[in-house]
Structures are given as C-alpha cells and as structure tokens.
Amino acid sequence: MGLILLLVVLFAAALFGTLFVFKQEEKKMKRYEEEGDTVEDQLRRSHEYETVSLKSNVSLQVAIYAVTIVLSLVVFAFYIF
C-alpha cells in the first residue's frame, strides 16, 4: 500500500510540474494580448520560441519526468528487495 501511495504522490508531482509550465506559457500569452499583437511581433516570437523552447521548456519537462521515473524505479527496486 505504501508503494502505491508513493507512486501516486510522484505522479501528482509530475502533473503539478506540467501544469506549472503550462501556466507560465499562459501568462505570457495574456501579456502579449494586453500589449497588443502585430503580425511582426507574432513572427518574431515564433522564431524566438523555437530557439528558446528547446533550451527551457523541453529541458524542464525532461527533468520533471526523469526525476519521477528514477524515483519510481528506486521505490520499485526497494519493494522487490
């Protein structure tokens, strides 16, 4: 029962991390809408997002899920032995 509870907590942490990243992106979009949005601004942000996203958002997501998977495997190994 303890293993299941720990895995549920790890899943919840991964879900929280994902929602946190989503909220950050949502705040950016609201800020852009408030400042006014032109086609040139959208194109510039699109190019910027393509370069920055791989460095920040993807790496953050990989870190969140890597930690979750590693901790799950550690708990599973502990359960087996």
PDB file of N, CA and C in Angstrom:
ATOM      1  N   MET A   1       0.829  -1.198   0.000  1.00  0.00           N
ATOM      2  CA  MET A   1       0.000   0.000   0.000  1.00  0.00           C
ATOM      3  C   MET A   1       0.870   1.258   0.000  1.00  0.00           C
ATOM      4  N   GLY A   2       1.978   1.218   0.732  1.00  0.00           N
ATOM      5  CA  GLY A   2       2.882   2.363   0.790  1.00  0.00           C
ATOM      6  C   GLY A   2       3.489   2.673  -0.563  1.00  0.00           C
ATOM      7  N   LEU A   3       3.803   1.626  -1.340  1.00  0.00           N
ATOM      8  CA  LEU A   3       4.375   1.812  -2.674  1.00  0.00           C
ATOM      9  C   LEU A   3       3.388   2.512  -3.589  1.00  0.00           C
ATOM     10  N   ILE A   4       2.153   2.093  -3.550  1.00  0.00           N
ATOM     11  CA  ILE A   4       1.130   2.715  -4.390  1.00  0.00           C
ATOM     12  C   ILE A   4       0.944   4.176  -4.005  1.00  0.00           C
ATOM     13  N   LEU A   5       0.934   4.444  -2.721  1.00  0.00           N
ATOM     14  CA  LEU A   5       0.774   5.815  -2.252  1.00  0.00           C
ATOM     15  C   LEU A   5       1.937   6.688  -2.719  1.00  0.00           C
ATOM     16  N   LEU A   6       3.150   6.185  -2.611  1.00  0.00           N
ATOM     17  CA  LEU A   6       4.320   6.945  -3.050  1.00  0.00           C
ATOM     18  C   LEU A   6       4.288   7.196  -4.553  1.00  0.00           C
ATOM     19  N   LEU A   7       3.889   6.213  -5.330  1.00  0.00           N
ATOM     20  CA  LEU A   7       3.799   6.391  -6.779  1.00  0.00           C
ATOM     21  C   LEU A   7       2.718   7.406  -7.146  1.00  0.00           C
ATOM     22  N   VAL A   8       1.629   7.409  -6.403  1.00  0.00           N
ATOM     23  CA  VAL A   8       0.583   8.406  -6.642  1.00  0.00           C
ATOM     24  C   VAL A   8       1.112   9.805  -6.338  1.00  0.00           C
ATOM     25  N   VAL A   9       1.879   9.940  -5.272  1.00  0.00           N
ATOM     26  CA  VAL A   9       2.466  11.237  -4.925  1.00  0.00           C
ATOM     27  C   VAL A   9       3.444  11.675  -6.018  1.00  0.00           C
ATOM     28  N   LEU A  10       4.252  10.758  -6.522  1.00  0.00           N
ATOM     29  CA  LEU A  10       5.190  11.099  -7.593  1.00  0.00           C
ATOM     30  C   LEU A  10       4.454  11.518  -8.858  1.00  0.00           C
ATOM     31  N   PHE A  11       3.382  10.812  -9.182  1.00  0.00           N
ATOM     32  CA  PHE A  11       2.581  11.176 -10.349  1.00  0.00           C
ATOM     33  C   PHE A  11       1.985  12.566 -10.170  1.00  0.00           C
ATOM     34  N   ALA A  12       1.490  12.846  -8.979  1.00  0.00           N
ATOM     35  CA  ALA A  12       0.905  14.153  -8.707  1.00  0.00           C
ATOM     36  C   ALA A  12       1.961  15.252  -8.840  1.00  0.00           C
ATOM     37  N   ALA A  13       3.184  14.986  -8.385  1.00  0.00           N
ATOM     38  CA  ALA A  13       4.262  15.967  -8.515  1.00  0.00           C
ATOM     39  C   ALA A  13       4.583  16.229  -9.982  1.00  0.00           C
ATOM     40  N   ALA A  14       4.627  15.187 -10.792  1.00  0.00           N
ATOM     41  CA  ALA A  14       4.887  15.358 -12.225  1.00  0.00           C
ATOM     42  C   ALA A  14       3.754  16.141 -12.884  1.00  0.00           C
ATOM     43  N   LEU A  15       2.536  15.854 -12.497  1.00  0.00           N
ATOM     44  CA  LEU A  15       1.387  16.573 -13.042  1.00  0.00           C
ATOM     45  C   LEU A  15       1.434  18.040 -12.635  1.00  0.00           C
ATOM     46  N   PHE A  16       1.775  18.308 -11.382  1.00  0.00           N
ATOM     47  CA  PHE A  16       1.889  19.682 -10.906  1.00  0.00           C
ATOM     48  C   PHE A  16       2.963  20.432 -11.690  1.00  0.00           C
ATOM     49  N   GLY A  17       4.109  19.793 -11.923  1.00  0.00           N
ATOM     50  CA  GLY A  17       5.176  20.437 -12.688  1.00  0.00           C
ATOM     51  C   GLY A  17       4.731  20.773 -14.098  1.00  0.00           C
ATOM     52  N   THR A  18       4.000  19.862 -14.715  1.00  0.00           N
ATOM     53  CA  THR A  18       3.498  20.100 -16.063  1.00  0.00           C
ATOM     54  C   THR A  18       2.516  21.268 -16.080  1.00  0.00           C
ATOM     55  N   LEU A  19       1.613  21.310 -15.124  1.00  0.00           N
ATOM     56  CA  LEU A  19       0.653  22.411 -15.053  1.00  0.00           C
ATOM     57  C   LEU A  19       1.338  23.740 -14.762  1.00  0.00           C
ATOM     58  N   PHE A  20       2.408  23.711 -13.982  1.00  0.00           N
ATOM     59  CA  PHE A  20       3.170  24.916 -13.676  1.00  0.00           C
ATOM     60  C   PHE A  20       3.765  25.513 -14.952  1.00  0.00           C
ATOM     61  N   VAL A  21       4.362  24.663 -15.779  1.00  0.00           N
ATOM     62  CA  VAL A  21       4.935  25.126 -17.041  1.00  0.00           C
ATOM     63  C   VAL A  21       3.836  25.670 -17.950  1.00  0.00           C
ATOM     64  N   PHE A  22       2.697  24.989 -17.986  1.00  0.00           N
ATOM     65  CA  PHE A  22       1.565  25.449 -18.796  1.00  0.00           C
ATOM     66  C   PHE A  22       1.094  26.827 -18.349  1.00  0.00           C
ATOM     67  N   LYS A  23       0.991  27.047 -17.051  1.00  0.00           N
ATOM     68  CA  LYS A  23       0.542  28.333 -16.526  1.00  0.00           C
ATOM     69  C   LYS A  23       1.515  29.446 -16.896  1.00  0.00           C
ATOM     70  N   GLN A  24       2.813  29.156 -16.894  1.00  0.00           N
ATOM     71  CA  GLN A  24       3.805  30.155 -17.286  1.00  0.00           C
ATOM     72  C   GLN A  24       3.579  30.594 -18.735  1.00  0.00           C
ATOM     73  N   GLU A  25       3.343  29.641 -19.592  1.00  0.00           N
ATOM     74  CA  GLU A  25       3.098  29.950 -21.002  1.00  0.00           C
ATOM     75  C   GLU A  25       1.791  30.713 -21.172  1.00  0.00           C
ATOM     76  N   GLU A  26       0.795  30.359 -20.403  1.00  0.00           N
ATOM     77  CA  GLU A  26      -0.490  31.043 -20.477  1.00  0.00           C
ATOM     78  C   GLU A  26      -0.356  32.504 -20.050  1.00  0.00           C
ATOM     79  N   LYS A  27       0.440  32.779 -19.030  1.00  0.00           N
ATOM     80  CA  LYS A  27       0.667  34.153 -18.579  1.00  0.00           C
ATOM     81  C   LYS A  27       1.355  34.970 -19.666  1.00  0.00           C
ATOM     82  N   LYS A  28       2.296  34.349 -20.371  1.00  0.00           N
ATOM     83  CA  LYS A  28       2.966  35.047 -21.468  1.00  0.00           C
ATOM     84  C   LYS A  28       1.959  35.447 -22.546  1.00  0.00           C
ATOM     85  N   MET A  29       1.080  34.515 -22.892  1.00  0.00           N
ATOM     86  CA  MET A  29       0.095  34.796 -23.936  1.00  0.00           C
ATOM     87  C   MET A  29      -0.836  35.941 -23.521  1.00  0.00           C
ATOM     88  N   LYS A  30      -1.254  35.977 -22.269  1.00  0.00           N
ATOM     89  CA  LYS A  30      -2.114  37.067 -21.797  1.00  0.00           C
ATOM     90  C   LYS A  30      -1.371  38.395 -21.863  1.00  0.00           C
ATOM     91  N   ARG A  31      -0.092  38.389 -21.497  1.00  0.00           N
ATOM     92  CA  ARG A  31       0.703  39.609 -21.545  1.00  0.00           C
ATOM     93  C   ARG A  31       0.819  40.112 -22.986  1.00  0.00           C
ATOM     94  N   TYR A  32       1.031  39.199 -23.918  1.00  0.00           N
ATOM     95  CA  TYR A  32       1.118  39.592 -25.330  1.00  0.00           C
ATOM     96  C   TYR A  32      -0.193  40.208 -25.805  1.00  0.00           C
ATOM     97  N   GLU A  33      -1.309  39.632 -25.400  1.00  0.00           N
ATOM     98  CA  GLU A  33      -2.613  40.162 -25.806  1.00  0.00           C
ATOM     99  C   GLU A  33      -2.842  41.554 -25.234  1.00  0.00           C
ATOM    100  N   GLU A  34      -2.391  41.788 -23.995  1.00  0.00           N
ATOM    101  CA  GLU A  34      -2.577  43.091 -23.369  1.00  0.00           C
ATOM    102  C   GLU A  34      -1.712  44.158 -24.028  1.00  0.00           C
ATOM    103  N   GLU A  35      -0.510  43.780 -24.464  1.00  0.00           N
ATOM    104  CA  GLU A  35       0.408  44.743 -25.069  1.00  0.00           C
ATOM    105  C   GLU A  35       0.014  45.091 -26.495  1.00  0.00           C
ATOM    106  N   GLY A  36      -0.801  44.305 -27.098  1.00  0.00           N
ATOM    107  CA  GLY A  36      -1.142  44.499 -28.500  1.00  0.00           C
ATOM    108  C   GLY A  36      -0.299  43.552 -29.329  1.00  0.00           C
ATOM    109  N   ASP A  37      -0.903  42.995 -30.321  1.00  0.00           N
ATOM    110  CA  ASP A  37      -0.247  41.933 -31.065  1.00  0.00           C
ATOM    111  C   ASP A  37      -0.260  42.255 -32.555  1.00  0.00           C
ATOM    112  N   THR A  38       0.915  42.363 -33.146  1.00  0.00           N
ATOM    113  CA  THR A  38       1.007  42.575 -34.592  1.00  0.00           C
ATOM    114  C   THR A  38       1.562  41.305 -35.232  1.00  0.00           C
ATOM    115  N   VAL A  39       1.434  41.214 -36.526  1.00  0.00           N
ATOM    116  CA  VAL A  39       1.941  40.052 -37.258  1.00  0.00           C
ATOM    117  C   VAL A  39       3.461  39.964 -37.105  1.00  0.00           C
ATOM    118  N   GLU A  40       4.133  41.106 -37.137  1.00  0.00           N
ATOM    119  CA  GLU A  40       5.586  41.121 -36.986  1.00  0.00           C
ATOM    120  C   GLU A  40       5.994  40.604 -35.601  1.00  0.00           C
ATOM    121  N   ASP A  41       5.252  41.023 -34.575  1.00  0.00           N
ATOM    122  CA  ASP A  41       5.540  40.547 -33.213  1.00  0.00           C
ATOM    123  C   ASP A  41       5.330  39.042 -33.106  1.00  0.00           C
ATOM    124  N   GLN A  42       4.261  38.562 -33.716  1.00  0.00           N
ATOM    125  CA  GLN A  42       3.986  37.127 -33.673  1.00  0.00           C
ATOM    126  C   GLN A  42       5.087  36.334 -34.366  1.00  0.00           C
ATOM    127  N   LEU A  43       5.549  36.816 -35.507  1.00  0.00           N
ATOM    128  CA  LEU A  43       6.615  36.133 -36.241  1.00  0.00           C
ATOM    129  C   LEU A  43       7.908  36.138 -35.441  1.00  0.00           C
ATOM    130  N   ARG A  44       8.241  37.275 -34.836  1.00  0.00           N
ATOM    131  CA  ARG A  44       9.457  37.368 -34.025  1.00  0.00           C
ATOM    132  C   ARG A  44       9.388  36.412 -32.835  1.00  0.00           C
ATOM    133  N   ARG A  45       8.232  36.395 -32.146  1.00  0.00           N
ATOM    134  CA  ARG A  45       8.074  35.494 -31.003  1.00  0.00           C
ATOM    135  C   ARG A  45       8.107  34.040 -31.424  1.00  0.00           C
ATOM    136  N   SER A  46       7.567  33.756 -32.584  1.00  0.00           N
ATOM    137  CA  SER A  46       7.569  32.377 -33.072  1.00  0.00           C
ATOM    138  C   SER A  46       8.991  31.879 -33.277  1.00  0.00           C
ATOM    139  N   HIS A  47       9.818  32.695 -33.910  1.00  0.00           N
ATOM    140  CA  HIS A  47      11.216  32.310 -34.110  1.00  0.00           C
ATOM    141  C   HIS A  47      11.957  32.214 -32.774  1.00  0.00           C
ATOM    142  N   GLU A  48      11.672  33.158 -31.889  1.00  0.00           N
ATOM    143  CA  GLU A  48      12.302  33.149 -30.568  1.00  0.00           C
ATOM    144  C   GLU A  48      11.885  31.910 -29.778  1.00  0.00           C
ATOM    145  N   TYR A  49      10.603  31.573 -29.846  1.00  0.00           N
ATOM    146  CA  TYR A  49      10.089  30.423 -29.107  1.00  0.00           C
ATOM    147  C   TYR A  49      10.733  29.125 -29.593  1.00  0.00           C
ATOM    148  N   GLU A  50      10.920  29.020 -30.901  1.00  0.00           N
ATOM    149  CA  GLU A  50      11.519  27.807 -31.454  1.00  0.00           C
ATOM    150  C   GLU A  50      12.927  27.591 -30.923  1.00  0.00           C
ATOM    151  N   THR A  51      13.671  28.661 -30.710  1.00  0.00           N
ATOM    152  CA  THR A  51      15.036  28.505 -30.206  1.00  0.00           C
ATOM    153  C   THR A  51      15.073  28.385 -28.686  1.00  0.00           C
ATOM    154  N   VAL A  52      14.261  29.159 -27.999  1.00  0.00           N
ATOM    155  CA  VAL A  52      14.292  29.173 -26.535  1.00  0.00           C
ATOM    156  C   VAL A  52      13.581  27.957 -25.945  1.00  0.00           C
ATOM    157  N   SER A  53      12.536  27.485 -26.593  1.00  0.00           N
ATOM    158  CA  SER A  53      11.736  26.388 -26.068  1.00  0.00           C
ATOM    159  C   SER A  53      12.570  25.131 -25.847  1.00  0.00           C
ATOM    160  N   LEU A  54      13.427  24.830 -26.785  1.00  0.00           N
ATOM    161  CA  LEU A  54      14.243  23.631 -26.645  1.00  0.00           C
ATOM    162  C   LEU A  54      15.198  23.741 -25.466  1.00  0.00           C
ATOM    163  N   LYS A  55      15.597  24.948 -25.124  1.00  0.00           N
ATOM    164  CA  LYS A  55      16.537  25.128 -24.021  1.00  0.00           C
ATOM    165  C   LYS A  55      15.844  25.185 -22.662  1.00  0.00           C
ATOM    166  N   SER A  56      14.630  25.721 -22.613  1.00  0.00           N
ATOM    167  CA  SER A  56      13.995  25.907 -21.306  1.00  0.00           C
ATOM    168  C   SER A  56      12.839  24.946 -21.062  1.00  0.00           C
ATOM    169  N   ASN A  57      11.812  25.008 -21.875  1.00  0.00           N
ATOM    170  CA  ASN A  57      10.607  24.221 -21.598  1.00  0.00           C
ATOM    171  C   ASN A  57      10.844  22.728 -21.734  1.00  0.00           C
ATOM    172  N   VAL A  58      11.490  22.325 -22.803  1.00  0.00           N
ATOM    173  CA  VAL A  58      11.710  20.893 -23.014  1.00  0.00           C
ATOM    174  C   VAL A  58      12.637  20.336 -21.943  1.00  0.00           C
ATOM    175  N   SER A  59      13.683  21.080 -21.615  1.00  0.00           N
ATOM    176  CA  SER A  59      14.605  20.580 -20.582  1.00  0.00           C
ATOM    177  C   SER A  59      13.917  20.496 -19.221  1.00  0.00           C
ATOM    178  N   LEU A  60      13.034  21.427 -18.933  1.00  0.00           N
ATOM    179  CA  LEU A  60      12.294  21.381 -17.664  1.00  0.00           C
ATOM    180  C   LEU A  60      11.367  20.175 -17.624  1.00  0.00           C
ATOM    181  N   GLN A  61      10.679  19.917 -18.712  1.00  0.00           N
ATOM    182  CA  GLN A  61       9.804  18.747 -18.786  1.00  0.00           C
ATOM    183  C   GLN A  61      10.595  17.448 -18.658  1.00  0.00           C
ATOM    184  N   VAL A  62      11.726  17.375 -19.324  1.00  0.00           N
ATOM    185  CA  VAL A  62      12.571  16.177 -19.235  1.00  0.00           C
ATOM    186  C   VAL A  62      13.038  15.979 -17.800  1.00  0.00           C
ATOM    187  N   ALA A  63      13.433  17.045 -17.138  1.00  0.00           N
ATOM    188  CA  ALA A  63      13.887  16.941 -15.749  1.00  0.00           C
ATOM    189  C   ALA A  63      12.760  16.456 -14.839  1.00  0.00           C
ATOM    190  N   ILE A  64      11.570  17.006 -15.017  1.00  0.00           N
ATOM    191  CA  ILE A  64      10.432  16.605 -14.184  1.00  0.00           C
ATOM    192  C   ILE A  64      10.152  15.107 -14.338  1.00  0.00           C
ATOM    193  N   TYR A  65      10.083  14.646 -15.574  1.00  0.00           N
ATOM    194  CA  TYR A  65       9.747  13.242 -15.794  1.00  0.00           C
ATOM    195  C   TYR A  65      10.915  12.316 -15.493  1.00  0.00           C
ATOM    196  N   ALA A  66      12.138  12.773 -15.679  1.00  0.00           N
ATOM    197  CA  ALA A  66      13.299  11.948 -15.343  1.00  0.00           C
ATOM    198  C   ALA A  66      13.349  11.694 -13.837  1.00  0.00           C
ATOM    199  N   VAL A  67      13.144  12.729 -13.056  1.00  0.00           N
ATOM    200  CA  VAL A  67      13.140  12.569 -11.599  1.00  0.00           C
ATOM    201  C   VAL A  67      12.011  11.634 -11.180  1.00  0.00           C
ATOM    202  N   THR A  68      10.850  11.806 -11.765  1.00  0.00           N
ATOM    203  CA  THR A  68       9.712  10.947 -11.428  1.00  0.00           C
ATOM    204  C   THR A  68       9.994   9.486 -11.770  1.00  0.00           C
ATOM    205  N   ILE A  69      10.542   9.240 -12.937  1.00  0.00           N
ATOM    206  CA  ILE A  69      10.829   7.863 -13.348  1.00  0.00           C
ATOM    207  C   ILE A  69      11.915   7.252 -12.481  1.00  0.00           C
ATOM    208  N   VAL A  70      12.981   8.003 -12.209  1.00  0.00           N
ATOM    209  CA  VAL A  70      14.068   7.475 -11.382  1.00  0.00           C
ATOM    210  C   VAL A  70      13.559   7.146  -9.982  1.00  0.00           C
ATOM    211  N   LEU A  71      12.801   8.052  -9.390  1.00  0.00           N
ATOM    212  CA  LEU A  71      12.265   7.776  -8.056  1.00  0.00           C
ATOM    213  C   LEU A  71      11.312   6.586  -8.071  1.00  0.00           C
ATOM    214  N   SER A  72      10.534   6.445  -9.123  1.00  0.00           N
ATOM    215  CA  SER A  72       9.640   5.294  -9.230  1.00  0.00           C
ATOM    216  C   SER A  72      10.434   3.993  -9.316  1.00  0.00           C
ATOM    217  N   LEU A  73      11.512   4.004 -10.089  1.00  0.00           N
ATOM    218  CA  LEU A  73      12.351   2.810 -10.200  1.00  0.00           C
ATOM    219  C   LEU A  73      13.049   2.482  -8.884  1.00  0.00           C
ATOM    220  N   VAL A  74      13.490   3.500  -8.167  1.00  0.00           N
ATOM    221  CA  VAL A  74      14.123   3.277  -6.865  1.00  0.00           C
ATOM    222  C   VAL A  74      13.125   2.650  -5.898  1.00  0.00           C
ATOM    223  N   VAL A  75      11.931   3.181  -5.868  1.00  0.00           N
ATOM    224  CA  VAL A  75      10.900   2.638  -4.982  1.00  0.00           C
ATOM    225  C   VAL A  75      10.551   1.217  -5.388  1.00  0.00           C
ATOM    226  N   PHE A  76      10.460   0.964  -6.679  1.00  0.00           N
ATOM    227  CA  PHE A  76      10.160  -0.376  -7.163  1.00  0.00           C
ATOM    228  C   PHE A  76      11.272  -1.356  -6.784  1.00  0.00           C
ATOM    229  N   ALA A  77      12.527  -0.926  -6.944  1.00  0.00           N
ATOM    230  CA  ALA A  77      13.656  -1.780  -6.572  1.00  0.00           C
ATOM    231  C   ALA A  77      13.634  -2.052  -5.058  1.00  0.00           C
ATOM    232  N   PHE A  78      13.320  -1.034  -4.289  1.00  0.00           N
ATOM    233  CA  PHE A  78      13.220  -1.203  -2.839  1.00  0.00           C
ATOM    234  C   PHE A  78      12.123  -2.205  -2.502  1.00  0.00           C
ATOM    235  N   TYR A  79      11.030  -2.155  -3.214  1.00  0.00           N
ATOM    236  CA  TYR A  79       9.918  -3.071  -2.982  1.00  0.00           C
ATOM    237  C   TYR A  79      10.305  -4.516  -3.306  1.00  0.00           C
ATOM    238  N   ILE A  80      11.047  -4.703  -4.389  1.00  0.00           N
ATOM    239  CA  ILE A  80      11.462  -6.049  -4.803  1.00  0.00           C
ATOM    240  C   ILE A  80      12.454  -6.661  -3.809  1.00  0.00           C
ATOM    241  N   PHE A  81      13.405  -5.847  -3.371  1.00  0.00           N
ATOM    242  CA  PHE A  81      14.437  -6.371  -2.468  1.00  0.00           C
ATOM    243  C   PHE A  81      14.020  -6.089  -1.062  1.00  0.00           C
TER     244      PHE A  81
END
